[in-house]
Every structure is written in C-alpha cells, then in structure tokens.
C-alpha cells in the first residue's frame, strides 16, 4: 500500500502572503512541514503540491532540494491539484497536509 503525503503550498494567501516561506526557528515554515512529514514512518512519499504560478517557483525549488516530489497544477482548484498530485504518485492512501501548519507531530 502506497501512502503519500500531499503538502499543499503556495505563496498566495489573502491574509498573509508568502507565509510558507517565513522563517521559524532558523528554517522556513515549509521546511519544518516537509521534514516532519518525511520523518513519519507510515509515509512512503512526500509530494509538495503547488500551483503553476511563477510566484510559486520558490516553493518548487525548495521542495526539490528537500527531496520531496513536486506537483504543479491549478492555482484556484485545490481539489484538482490534490487529485492529480495523488494520482501521479500512484497513491493508495493520501494524507493531506497544509504547509502553514509546522507543528504537526512526527507520528
């Protein structure tokens, strides 16, 4: 069974644009989320799902450097982006993670 964590991340936000790349304890918020997600023993693959918008290039570059798979899709249709990210990873089980929640447990 292929368990895939799909981390939703984009720079656009109505309340706090760029929040996933803000520093937190010496690292970007996204880095905390990717590291904690990858540390979970039940996760087989980590996919960062971002948009095709050029503003999200920084997210794609960082995610690749961090060892995550990157999927780029619709900026406005989050469900479509999640669906295609999971399908591309051939996921049997999808764990949905938001990139603006760095305090997730490693279990």
PDB file of N, CA and C in Angstrom:
ATOM      1  N   UNK A   1       0.847  -1.173   0.000  1.00  0.00           N
ATOM      2  CA  UNK A   1       0.000   0.000   0.000  1.00  0.00           C
ATOM      3  C   UNK A   1       0.895   1.240   0.000  1.00  0.00           C
ATOM      4  N   UNK A   2       0.676   2.128  -0.946  1.00  0.00           N
ATOM      5  CA  UNK A   2       1.485   3.346  -1.117  1.00  0.00           C
ATOM      6  C   UNK A   2       0.801   4.519  -0.407  1.00  0.00           C
ATOM      7  N   UNK A   3       1.395   4.956   0.705  1.00  0.00           N
ATOM      8  CA  UNK A   3       0.852   6.064   1.486  1.00  0.00           C
ATOM      9  C   UNK A   3       1.615   7.330   1.115  1.00  0.00           C
ATOM     10  N   UNK A   4       0.896   8.278   0.553  1.00  0.00           N
ATOM     11  CA  UNK A   4       1.509   9.509   0.059  1.00  0.00           C
ATOM     12  C   UNK A   4       0.979  10.709   0.834  1.00  0.00           C
ATOM     13  N   UNK A   5       1.891  11.511   1.354  1.00  0.00           N
ATOM     14  CA  UNK A   5       1.511  12.771   1.994  1.00  0.00           C
ATOM     15  C   UNK A   5       1.592  13.855   0.936  1.00  0.00           C
ATOM     16  N   UNK A   6       0.506  14.560   0.733  1.00  0.00           N
ATOM     17  CA  UNK A   6       0.483  15.679  -0.215  1.00  0.00           C
ATOM     18  C   UNK A   6       0.399  16.962   0.605  1.00  0.00           C
ATOM     19  N   UNK A   7       1.462  17.765   0.487  1.00  0.00           N
ATOM     20  CA  UNK A   7       1.533  19.034   1.212  1.00  0.00           C
ATOM     21  C   UNK A   7       1.089  20.136   0.263  1.00  0.00           C
ATOM     22  N   UNK A   8       0.010  20.804   0.617  1.00  0.00           N
ATOM     23  CA  UNK A   8      -0.499  21.924  -0.185  1.00  0.00           C
ATOM     24  C   UNK A   8       0.295  23.173   0.174  1.00  0.00           C
ATOM     25  N   UNK A   9       0.890  23.814  -0.836  1.00  0.00           N
ATOM     26  CA  UNK A   9       1.682  25.015  -0.555  1.00  0.00           C
ATOM     27  C   UNK A   9       1.621  25.975  -1.733  1.00  0.00           C
ATOM     28  N   UNK A  10       1.417  27.247  -1.415  1.00  0.00           N
ATOM     29  CA  UNK A  10       1.510  28.290  -2.432  1.00  0.00           C
ATOM     30  C   UNK A  10       1.819  29.605  -1.750  1.00  0.00           C
ATOM     31  N   UNK A  11       2.370  30.525  -2.508  1.00  0.00           N
ATOM     32  CA  UNK A  11       2.769  31.816  -1.963  1.00  0.00           C
ATOM     33  C   UNK A  11       1.584  32.749  -1.767  1.00  0.00           C
ATOM     34  N   UNK A  12       0.544  32.586  -2.564  1.00  0.00           N
ATOM     35  CA  UNK A  12      -0.620  33.460  -2.466  1.00  0.00           C
ATOM     36  C   UNK A  12      -1.456  33.114  -1.250  1.00  0.00           C
ATOM     37  N   UNK A  13      -1.793  34.110  -0.493  1.00  0.00           N
ATOM     38  CA  UNK A  13      -2.663  33.955   0.666  1.00  0.00           C
ATOM     39  C   UNK A  13      -3.333  35.295   0.885  1.00  0.00           C
ATOM     40  N   UNK A  14      -4.608  35.261   1.158  1.00  0.00           N
ATOM     41  CA  UNK A  14      -5.327  36.531   1.329  1.00  0.00           C
ATOM     42  C   UNK A  14      -4.927  37.246   2.617  1.00  0.00           C
ATOM     43  N   UNK A  15      -4.620  36.492   3.658  1.00  0.00           N
ATOM     44  CA  UNK A  15      -4.299  37.128   4.945  1.00  0.00           C
ATOM     45  C   UNK A  15      -2.803  37.350   5.152  1.00  0.00           C
ATOM     46  N   UNK A  16      -1.945  36.404   4.721  1.00  0.00           N
ATOM     47  CA  UNK A  16      -0.503  36.516   4.943  1.00  0.00           C
ATOM     48  C   UNK A  16       0.247  35.893   3.770  1.00  0.00           C
ATOM     49  N   UNK A  17       0.399  36.649   2.678  1.00  0.00           N
ATOM     50  CA  UNK A  17       1.096  36.120   1.501  1.00  0.00           C
ATOM     51  C   UNK A  17       2.518  35.660   1.835  1.00  0.00           C
ATOM     52  N   UNK A  18       2.904  34.520   1.268  1.00  0.00           N
ATOM     53  CA  UNK A  18       4.258  34.001   1.452  1.00  0.00           C
ATOM     54  C   UNK A  18       4.509  33.346   2.797  1.00  0.00           C
ATOM     55  N   UNK A  19       3.457  33.052   3.540  1.00  0.00           N
ATOM     56  CA  UNK A  19       3.626  32.535   4.899  1.00  0.00           C
ATOM     57  C   UNK A  19       4.398  31.219   4.962  1.00  0.00           C
ATOM     58  N   UNK A  20       4.324  30.389   3.930  1.00  0.00           N
ATOM     59  CA  UNK A  20       5.019  29.099   3.982  1.00  0.00           C
ATOM     60  C   UNK A  20       6.535  29.253   3.888  1.00  0.00           C
ATOM     61  N   UNK A  21       7.008  30.423   3.441  1.00  0.00           N
ATOM     62  CA  UNK A  21       8.446  30.649   3.350  1.00  0.00           C
ATOM     63  C   UNK A  21       8.954  31.585   4.451  1.00  0.00           C
ATOM     64  N   UNK A  22       8.118  31.915   5.411  1.00  0.00           N
ATOM     65  CA  UNK A  22       8.554  32.750   6.532  1.00  0.00           C
ATOM     66  C   UNK A  22       9.503  31.958   7.431  1.00  0.00           C
ATOM     67  N   UNK A  23      10.453  32.651   8.048  1.00  0.00           N
ATOM     68  CA  UNK A  23      11.374  31.951   8.954  1.00  0.00           C
ATOM     69  C   UNK A  23      10.695  31.577  10.266  1.00  0.00           C
ATOM     70  N   UNK A  24      11.059  30.402  10.757  1.00  0.00           N
ATOM     71  CA  UNK A  24      10.561  29.919  12.040  1.00  0.00           C
ATOM     72  C   UNK A  24      11.671  29.074  12.654  1.00  0.00           C
ATOM     73  N   UNK A  25      12.247  29.567  13.723  1.00  0.00           N
ATOM     74  CA  UNK A  25      13.314  28.847  14.419  1.00  0.00           C
ATOM     75  C   UNK A  25      14.449  28.443  13.470  1.00  0.00           C
ATOM     76  N   UNK A  26      14.863  29.391  12.638  1.00  0.00           N
ATOM     77  CA  UNK A  26      16.020  29.165  11.771  1.00  0.00           C
ATOM     78  C   UNK A  26      15.744  28.437  10.464  1.00  0.00           C
ATOM     79  N   UNK A  27      14.494  28.085  10.208  1.00  0.00           N
ATOM     80  CA  UNK A  27      14.125  27.393   8.962  1.00  0.00           C
ATOM     81  C   UNK A  27      12.836  27.999   8.432  1.00  0.00           C
ATOM     82  N   UNK A  28      12.578  27.756   7.146  1.00  0.00           N
ATOM     83  CA  UNK A  28      11.294  28.177   6.577  1.00  0.00           C
ATOM     84  C   UNK A  28      10.196  27.278   7.146  1.00  0.00           C
ATOM     85  N   UNK A  29       8.996  27.822   7.247  1.00  0.00           N
ATOM     86  CA  UNK A  29       7.847  27.044   7.719  1.00  0.00           C
ATOM     87  C   UNK A  29       7.697  25.777   6.871  1.00  0.00           C
ATOM     88  N   UNK A  30       7.829  25.907   5.555  1.00  0.00           N
ATOM     89  CA  UNK A  30       7.699  24.743   4.668  1.00  0.00           C
ATOM     90  C   UNK A  30       8.734  23.671   4.992  1.00  0.00           C
ATOM     91  N   UNK A  31       9.938  24.082   5.338  1.00  0.00           N
ATOM     92  CA  UNK A  31      10.977  23.099   5.673  1.00  0.00           C
ATOM     93  C   UNK A  31      10.587  22.290   6.906  1.00  0.00           C
ATOM     94  N   UNK A  32      10.041  22.944   7.905  1.00  0.00           N
ATOM     95  CA  UNK A  32       9.576  22.218   9.091  1.00  0.00           C
ATOM     96  C   UNK A  32       8.517  21.187   8.702  1.00  0.00           C
ATOM     97  N   UNK A  33       7.582  21.600   7.854  1.00  0.00           N
ATOM     98  CA  UNK A  33       6.489  20.698   7.464  1.00  0.00           C
ATOM     99  C   UNK A  33       7.018  19.514   6.654  1.00  0.00           C
ATOM    100  N   UNK A  34       7.893  19.766   5.687  1.00  0.00           N
ATOM    101  CA  UNK A  34       8.448  18.681   4.864  1.00  0.00           C
ATOM    102  C   UNK A  34       9.253  17.711   5.734  1.00  0.00           C
ATOM    103  N   UNK A  35      10.103  18.240   6.602  1.00  0.00           N
ATOM    104  CA  UNK A  35      10.930  17.377   7.459  1.00  0.00           C
ATOM    105  C   UNK A  35      10.080  16.524   8.390  1.00  0.00           C
ATOM    106  N   UNK A  36       9.099  17.119   9.025  1.00  0.00           N
ATOM    107  CA  UNK A  36       8.248  16.371   9.963  1.00  0.00           C
ATOM    108  C   UNK A  36       7.420  15.321   9.222  1.00  0.00           C
ATOM    109  N   UNK A  37       6.930  15.682   8.057  1.00  0.00           N
ATOM    110  CA  UNK A  37       6.133  14.735   7.279  1.00  0.00           C
ATOM    111  C   UNK A  37       6.990  13.564   6.821  1.00  0.00           C
ATOM    112  N   UNK A  38       8.182  13.851   6.305  1.00  0.00           N
ATOM    113  CA  UNK A  38       9.081  12.798   5.824  1.00  0.00           C
ATOM    114  C   UNK A  38       9.540  11.880   6.960  1.00  0.00           C
ATOM    115  N   UNK A  39       9.581  12.390   8.186  1.00  0.00           N
ATOM    116  CA  UNK A  39      10.021  11.598   9.333  1.00  0.00           C
ATOM    117  C   UNK A  39       8.967  10.584   9.781  1.00  0.00           C
ATOM    118  N   UNK A  40       7.752  10.742   9.328  1.00  0.00           N
ATOM    119  CA  UNK A  40       6.686   9.810   9.724  1.00  0.00           C
ATOM    120  C   UNK A  40       6.942   8.448   9.084  1.00  0.00           C
ATOM    121  N   UNK A  41       7.020   7.426   9.880  1.00  0.00           N
ATOM    122  CA  UNK A  41       7.354   6.091   9.364  1.00  0.00           C
ATOM    123  C   UNK A  41       6.259   5.498   8.483  1.00  0.00           C
ATOM    124  N   UNK A  42       5.052   6.002   8.599  1.00  0.00           N
ATOM    125  CA  UNK A  42       3.945   5.449   7.804  1.00  0.00           C
ATOM    126  C   UNK A  42       3.818   6.108   6.427  1.00  0.00           C
ATOM    127  N   UNK A  43       4.627   7.127   6.152  1.00  0.00           N
ATOM    128  CA  UNK A  43       4.559   7.849   4.874  1.00  0.00           C
ATOM    129  C   UNK A  43       5.611   7.289   3.918  1.00  0.00           C
ATOM    130  N   UNK A  44       5.172   6.883   2.717  1.00  0.00           N
ATOM    131  CA  UNK A  44       6.087   6.346   1.709  1.00  0.00           C
ATOM    132  C   UNK A  44       6.674   7.424   0.813  1.00  0.00           C
ATOM    133  N   UNK A  45       5.909   8.479   0.569  1.00  0.00           N
ATOM    134  CA  UNK A  45       6.365   9.541  -0.324  1.00  0.00           C
ATOM    135  C   UNK A  45       5.755  10.864   0.110  1.00  0.00           C
ATOM    136  N   UNK A  46       6.546  11.922  -0.046  1.00  0.00           N
ATOM    137  CA  UNK A  46       6.072  13.270   0.247  1.00  0.00           C
ATOM    138  C   UNK A  46       6.004  14.039  -1.062  1.00  0.00           C
ATOM    139  N   UNK A  47       4.836  14.586  -1.356  1.00  0.00           N
ATOM    140  CA  UNK A  47       4.631  15.400  -2.549  1.00  0.00           C
ATOM    141  C   UNK A  47       4.227  16.799  -2.111  1.00  0.00           C
ATOM    142  N   UNK A  48       4.927  17.796  -2.626  1.00  0.00           N
ATOM    143  CA  UNK A  48       4.522  19.181  -2.396  1.00  0.00           C
ATOM    144  C   UNK A  48       3.723  19.605  -3.622  1.00  0.00           C
ATOM    145  N   UNK A  49       2.451  19.924  -3.415  1.00  0.00           N
ATOM    146  CA  UNK A  49       1.558  20.324  -4.497  1.00  0.00           C
ATOM    147  C   UNK A  49       1.415  21.835  -4.476  1.00  0.00           C
ATOM    148  N   UNK A  50       1.937  22.480  -5.512  1.00  0.00           N
ATOM    149  CA  UNK A  50       1.859  23.927  -5.612  1.00  0.00           C
ATOM    150  C   UNK A  50       1.253  24.295  -6.957  1.00  0.00           C
ATOM    151  N   UNK A  51       1.121  25.563  -7.202  1.00  0.00           N
ATOM    152  CA  UNK A  51       0.477  25.984  -8.444  1.00  0.00           C
ATOM    153  C   UNK A  51       1.502  26.211  -9.554  1.00  0.00           C
ATOM    154  N   UNK A  52       0.985  26.430 -10.739  1.00  0.00           N
ATOM    155  CA  UNK A  52       1.831  26.734 -11.896  1.00  0.00           C
ATOM    156  C   UNK A  52       2.197  28.211 -11.959  1.00  0.00           C
ATOM    157  N   UNK A  53       1.715  29.001 -11.028  1.00  0.00           N
ATOM    158  CA  UNK A  53       2.012  30.431 -10.968  1.00  0.00           C
ATOM    159  C   UNK A  53       3.509  30.620 -10.711  1.00  0.00           C
ATOM    160  N   UNK A  54       4.124  31.545 -11.424  1.00  0.00           N
ATOM    161  CA  UNK A  54       5.548  31.812 -11.269  1.00  0.00           C
ATOM    162  C   UNK A  54       5.948  32.192  -9.858  1.00  0.00           C
ATOM    163  N   UNK A  55       5.028  32.780  -9.103  1.00  0.00           N
ATOM    164  CA  UNK A  55       5.328  33.143  -7.717  1.00  0.00           C
ATOM    165  C   UNK A  55       5.617  31.911  -6.867  1.00  0.00           C
ATOM    166  N   UNK A  56       5.158  30.753  -7.313  1.00  0.00           N
ATOM    167  CA  UNK A  56       5.369  29.510  -6.563  1.00  0.00           C
ATOM    168  C   UNK A  56       6.619  28.751  -6.987  1.00  0.00           C
ATOM    169  N   UNK A  57       7.413  29.322  -7.888  1.00  0.00           N
ATOM    170  CA  UNK A  57       8.663  28.687  -8.293  1.00  0.00           C
ATOM    171  C   UNK A  57       9.578  28.448  -7.101  1.00  0.00           C
ATOM    172  N   UNK A  58       9.611  29.387  -6.166  1.00  0.00           N
ATOM    173  CA  UNK A  58      10.459  29.246  -4.984  1.00  0.00           C
ATOM    174  C   UNK A  58      10.065  28.025  -4.158  1.00  0.00           C
ATOM    175  N   UNK A  59       8.777  27.739  -4.086  1.00  0.00           N
ATOM    176  CA  UNK A  59       8.299  26.564  -3.356  1.00  0.00           C
ATOM    177  C   UNK A  59       8.750  25.294  -4.062  1.00  0.00           C
ATOM    178  N   UNK A  60       8.599  25.265  -5.382  1.00  0.00           N
ATOM    179  CA  UNK A  60       9.000  24.088  -6.156  1.00  0.00           C
ATOM    180  C   UNK A  60      10.503  23.827  -6.017  1.00  0.00           C
ATOM    181  N   UNK A  61      11.298  24.880  -6.110  1.00  0.00           N
ATOM    182  CA  UNK A  61      12.760  24.711  -5.984  1.00  0.00           C
ATOM    183  C   UNK A  61      13.130  24.204  -4.597  1.00  0.00           C
ATOM    184  N   UNK A  62      12.554  24.785  -3.578  1.00  0.00           N
ATOM    185  CA  UNK A  62      12.870  24.343  -2.227  1.00  0.00           C
ATOM    186  C   UNK A  62      12.445  22.890  -2.018  1.00  0.00           C
ATOM    187  N   UNK A  63      11.257  22.539  -2.440  1.00  0.00           N
ATOM    188  CA  UNK A  63      10.741  21.185  -2.230  1.00  0.00           C
ATOM    189  C   UNK A  63      11.630  20.146  -2.912  1.00  0.00           C
ATOM    190  N   UNK A  64      12.085  20.450  -4.122  1.00  0.00           N
ATOM    191  CA  UNK A  64      13.001  19.539  -4.822  1.00  0.00           C
ATOM    192  C   UNK A  64      14.301  19.375  -4.041  1.00  0.00           C
ATOM    193  N   UNK A  65      14.864  20.470  -3.551  1.00  0.00           N
ATOM    194  CA  UNK A  65      16.102  20.397  -2.763  1.00  0.00           C
ATOM    195  C   UNK A  65      15.904  19.607  -1.470  1.00  0.00           C
ATOM    196  N   UNK A  66      14.706  19.671  -0.926  1.00  0.00           N
ATOM    197  CA  UNK A  66      14.401  18.957   0.315  1.00  0.00           C
ATOM    198  C   UNK A  66      14.113  17.477   0.079  1.00  0.00           C
ATOM    199  N   UNK A  67      14.082  17.054  -1.185  1.00  0.00           N
ATOM    200  CA  UNK A  67      13.862  15.650  -1.502  1.00  0.00           C
ATOM    201  C   UNK A  67      12.417  15.259  -1.716  1.00  0.00           C
ATOM    202  N   UNK A  68      11.529  16.236  -1.740  1.00  0.00           N
ATOM    203  CA  UNK A  68      10.113  15.941  -1.984  1.00  0.00           C
ATOM    204  C   UNK A  68       9.838  15.927  -3.482  1.00  0.00           C
ATOM    205  N   UNK A  69       8.835  15.187  -3.872  1.00  0.00           N
ATOM    206  CA  UNK A  69       8.344  15.234  -5.237  1.00  0.00           C
ATOM    207  C   UNK A  69       7.524  16.507  -5.369  1.00  0.00           C
ATOM    208  N   UNK A  70       7.579  17.148  -6.529  1.00  0.00           N
ATOM    209  CA  UNK A  70       6.818  18.383  -6.741  1.00  0.00           C
ATOM    210  C   UNK A  70       5.756  18.140  -7.799  1.00  0.00           C
ATOM    211  N   UNK A  71       4.547  18.564  -7.486  1.00  0.00           N
ATOM    212  CA  UNK A  71       3.471  18.579  -8.480  1.00  0.00           C
ATOM    213  C   UNK A  71       2.997  20.009  -8.609  1.00  0.00           C
ATOM    214  N   UNK A  72       2.849  20.456  -9.863  1.00  0.00           N
ATOM    215  CA  UNK A  72       2.344  21.807 -10.116  1.00  0.00           C
ATOM    216  C   UNK A  72       1.046  21.714 -10.888  1.00  0.00           C
ATOM    217  N   UNK A  73       0.039  22.420 -10.393  1.00  0.00           N
ATOM    218  CA  UNK A  73      -1.273  22.373 -11.020  1.00  0.00           C
ATOM    219  C   UNK A  73      -2.027  23.675 -10.838  1.00  0.00           C
ATOM    220  N   UNK A  74      -3.320  23.567 -10.833  1.00  0.00           N
ATOM    221  CA  UNK A  74      -4.206  24.717 -10.769  1.00  0.00           C
ATOM    222  C   UNK A  74      -3.949  25.569  -9.524  1.00  0.00           C
ATOM    223  N   UNK A  75      -3.954  26.869  -9.720  1.00  0.00           N
ATOM    224  CA  UNK A  75      -3.802  27.785  -8.590  1.00  0.00           C
ATOM    225  C   UNK A  75      -5.099  27.918  -7.801  1.00  0.00           C
ATOM    226  N   UNK A  76      -6.223  27.835  -8.493  1.00  0.00           N
ATOM    227  CA  UNK A  76      -7.503  28.100  -7.852  1.00  0.00           C
ATOM    228  C   UNK A  76      -8.280  26.838  -7.451  1.00  0.00           C
ATOM    229  N   UNK A  77      -7.999  25.709  -8.069  1.00  0.00           N
ATOM    230  CA  UNK A  77      -8.737  24.476  -7.782  1.00  0.00           C
ATOM    231  C   UNK A  77      -7.860  23.529  -6.961  1.00  0.00           C
ATOM    232  N   UNK A  78      -7.930  23.668  -5.644  1.00  0.00           N
ATOM    233  CA  UNK A  78      -7.084  22.884  -4.744  1.00  0.00           C
ATOM    234  C   UNK A  78      -7.409  21.391  -4.843  1.00  0.00           C
ATOM    235  N   UNK A  79      -8.666  21.048  -4.956  1.00  0.00           N
ATOM    236  CA  UNK A  79      -9.050  19.637  -5.064  1.00  0.00           C
ATOM    237  C   UNK A  79      -8.443  19.011  -6.317  1.00  0.00           C
ATOM    238  N   UNK A  80      -8.473  19.714  -7.435  1.00  0.00           N
ATOM    239  CA  UNK A  80      -7.878  19.213  -8.668  1.00  0.00           C
ATOM    240  C   UNK A  80      -6.369  19.013  -8.497  1.00  0.00           C
ATOM    241  N   UNK A  81      -5.734  19.958  -7.849  1.00  0.00           N
ATOM    242  CA  UNK A  81      -4.281  19.863  -7.609  1.00  0.00           C
ATOM    243  C   UNK A  81      -3.977  18.646  -6.736  1.00  0.00           C
ATOM    244  N   UNK A  82      -4.747  18.449  -5.667  1.00  0.00           N
ATOM    245  CA  UNK A  82      -4.557  17.294  -4.792  1.00  0.00           C
ATOM    246  C   UNK A  82      -4.789  15.979  -5.536  1.00  0.00           C
ATOM    247  N   UNK A  83      -5.858  15.943  -6.308  1.00  0.00           N
ATOM    248  CA  UNK A  83      -6.200  14.724  -7.051  1.00  0.00           C
ATOM    249  C   UNK A  83      -5.070  14.327  -7.999  1.00  0.00           C
ATOM    250  N   UNK A  84      -4.599  15.279  -8.788  1.00  0.00           N
ATOM    251  CA  UNK A  84      -3.553  14.961  -9.768  1.00  0.00           C
ATOM    252  C   UNK A  84      -2.208  14.671  -9.113  1.00  0.00           C
ATOM    253  N   UNK A  85      -1.917  15.312  -7.993  1.00  0.00           N
ATOM    254  CA  UNK A  85      -0.685  15.004  -7.255  1.00  0.00           C
ATOM    255  C   UNK A  85      -0.722  13.567  -6.742  1.00  0.00           C
ATOM    256  N   UNK A  86      -1.852  13.164  -6.177  1.00  0.00           N
ATOM    257  CA  UNK A  86      -2.005  11.805  -5.655  1.00  0.00           C
ATOM    258  C   UNK A  86      -2.007  10.775  -6.779  1.00  0.00           C
ATOM    259  N   UNK A  87      -2.674  11.093  -7.855  1.00  0.00           N
ATOM    260  CA  UNK A  87      -2.723  10.179  -8.997  1.00  0.00           C
ATOM    261  C   UNK A  87      -1.329   9.979  -9.591  1.00  0.00           C
ATOM    262  N   UNK A  88      -0.588  11.069  -9.736  1.00  0.00           N
ATOM    263  CA  UNK A  88       0.773  10.983 -10.271  1.00  0.00           C
ATOM    264  C   UNK A  88       1.699  10.157  -9.394  1.00  0.00           C
ATOM    265  N   UNK A  89       1.453  10.163  -8.091  1.00  0.00           N
ATOM    266  CA  UNK A  89       2.261   9.389  -7.152  1.00  0.00           C
ATOM    267  C   UNK A  89       1.745   7.959  -6.985  1.00  0.00           C
ATOM    268  N   UNK A  90       0.660   7.635  -7.675  1.00  0.00           N
ATOM    269  CA  UNK A  90       0.032   6.318  -7.582  1.00  0.00           C
ATOM    270  C   UNK A  90      -0.297   5.972  -6.131  1.00  0.00           C
ATOM    271  N   UNK A  91      -0.909   6.928  -5.449  1.00  0.00           N
ATOM    272  CA  UNK A  91      -1.240   6.762  -4.030  1.00  0.00           C
ATOM    273  C   UNK A  91      -2.427   5.831  -3.828  1.00  0.00           C
ATOM    274  N   UNK A  92      -2.277   4.949  -2.858  1.00  0.00           N
ATOM    275  CA  UNK A  92      -3.406   4.146  -2.392  1.00  0.00           C
ATOM    276  C   UNK A  92      -4.112   4.881  -1.260  1.00  0.00           C
ATOM    277  N   UNK A  93      -3.321   5.579  -0.464  1.00  0.00           N
ATOM    278  CA  UNK A  93      -3.826   6.373   0.652  1.00  0.00           C
ATOM    279  C   UNK A  93      -3.183   7.750   0.556  1.00  0.00           C
ATOM    280  N   UNK A  94      -3.982   8.798   0.749  1.00  0.00           N
ATOM    281  CA  UNK A  94      -3.477  10.170   0.702  1.00  0.00           C
ATOM    282  C   UNK A  94      -3.638  10.802   2.081  1.00  0.00           C
ATOM    283  N   UNK A  95      -2.546  11.396   2.548  1.00  0.00           N
ATOM    284  CA  UNK A  95      -2.574  12.154   3.792  1.00  0.00           C
ATOM    285  C   UNK A  95      -2.428  13.617   3.385  1.00  0.00           C
ATOM    286  N   UNK A  96      -3.446  14.401   3.640  1.00  0.00           N
ATOM    287  CA  UNK A  96      -3.458  15.818   3.255  1.00  0.00           C
ATOM    288  C   UNK A  96      -2.826  16.655   4.360  1.00  0.00           C
ATOM    289  N   UNK A  97      -1.807  17.416   3.962  1.00  0.00           N
ATOM    290  CA  UNK A  97      -1.094  18.281   4.901  1.00  0.00           C
ATOM    291  C   UNK A  97      -1.110  19.703   4.337  1.00  0.00           C
ATOM    292  N   UNK A  98      -1.346  20.679   5.193  1.00  0.00           N
ATOM    293  CA  UNK A  98      -1.235  22.070   4.752  1.00  0.00           C
ATOM    294  C   UNK A  98       0.131  22.599   5.167  1.00  0.00           C
ATOM    295  N   UNK A  99       0.755  23.369   4.281  1.00  0.00           N
ATOM    296  CA  UNK A  99       2.124  23.828   4.501  1.00  0.00           C
ATOM    297  C   UNK A  99       2.234  24.922   5.550  1.00  0.00           C
ATOM    298  N   UNK A 100       1.125  25.433   6.009  1.00  0.00           N
ATOM    299  CA  UNK A 100       1.179  26.505   7.006  1.00  0.00           C
ATOM    300  C   UNK A 100       0.933  25.989   8.428  1.00  0.00           C
ATOM    301  N   UNK A 101       1.168  24.708   8.625  1.00  0.00           N
ATOM    302  CA  UNK A 101       0.955  24.088   9.937  1.00  0.00           C
ATOM    303  C   UNK A 101       2.236  23.349  10.355  1.00  0.00           C
ATOM    304  N   UNK A 102       3.268  24.080  10.799  1.00  0.00           N
ATOM    305  CA  UNK A 102       4.564  23.461  11.065  1.00  0.00           C
ATOM    306  C   UNK A 102       4.651  22.641  12.350  1.00  0.00           C
ATOM    307  N   UNK A 103       3.644  22.655  13.163  1.00  0.00           N
ATOM    308  CA  UNK A 103       3.713  21.980  14.456  1.00  0.00           C
ATOM    309  C   UNK A 103       3.042  20.611  14.457  1.00  0.00           C
ATOM    310  N   UNK A 104       3.033  19.955  13.309  1.00  0.00           N
ATOM    311  CA  UNK A 104       2.441  18.622  13.228  1.00  0.00           C
ATOM    312  C   UNK A 104       3.357  17.606  13.920  1.00  0.00           C
ATOM    313  N   UNK A 105       2.784  16.618  14.596  1.00  0.00           N
ATOM    314  CA  UNK A 105       3.617  15.602  15.246  1.00  0.00           C
ATOM    315  C   UNK A 105       4.255  14.685  14.202  1.00  0.00           C
ATOM    316  N   UNK A 106       5.351  14.059  14.561  1.00  0.00           N
ATOM    317  CA  UNK A 106       6.077  13.178  13.626  1.00  0.00           C
ATOM    318  C   UNK A 106       5.523  11.767  13.583  1.00  0.00           C
ATOM    319  N   UNK A 107       4.473  11.451  14.266  1.00  0.00           N
ATOM    320  CA  UNK A 107       3.936  10.086  14.287  1.00  0.00           C
ATOM    321  C   UNK A 107       3.345   9.697  12.980  1.00  0.00           C
TER     322      UNK A 107
END
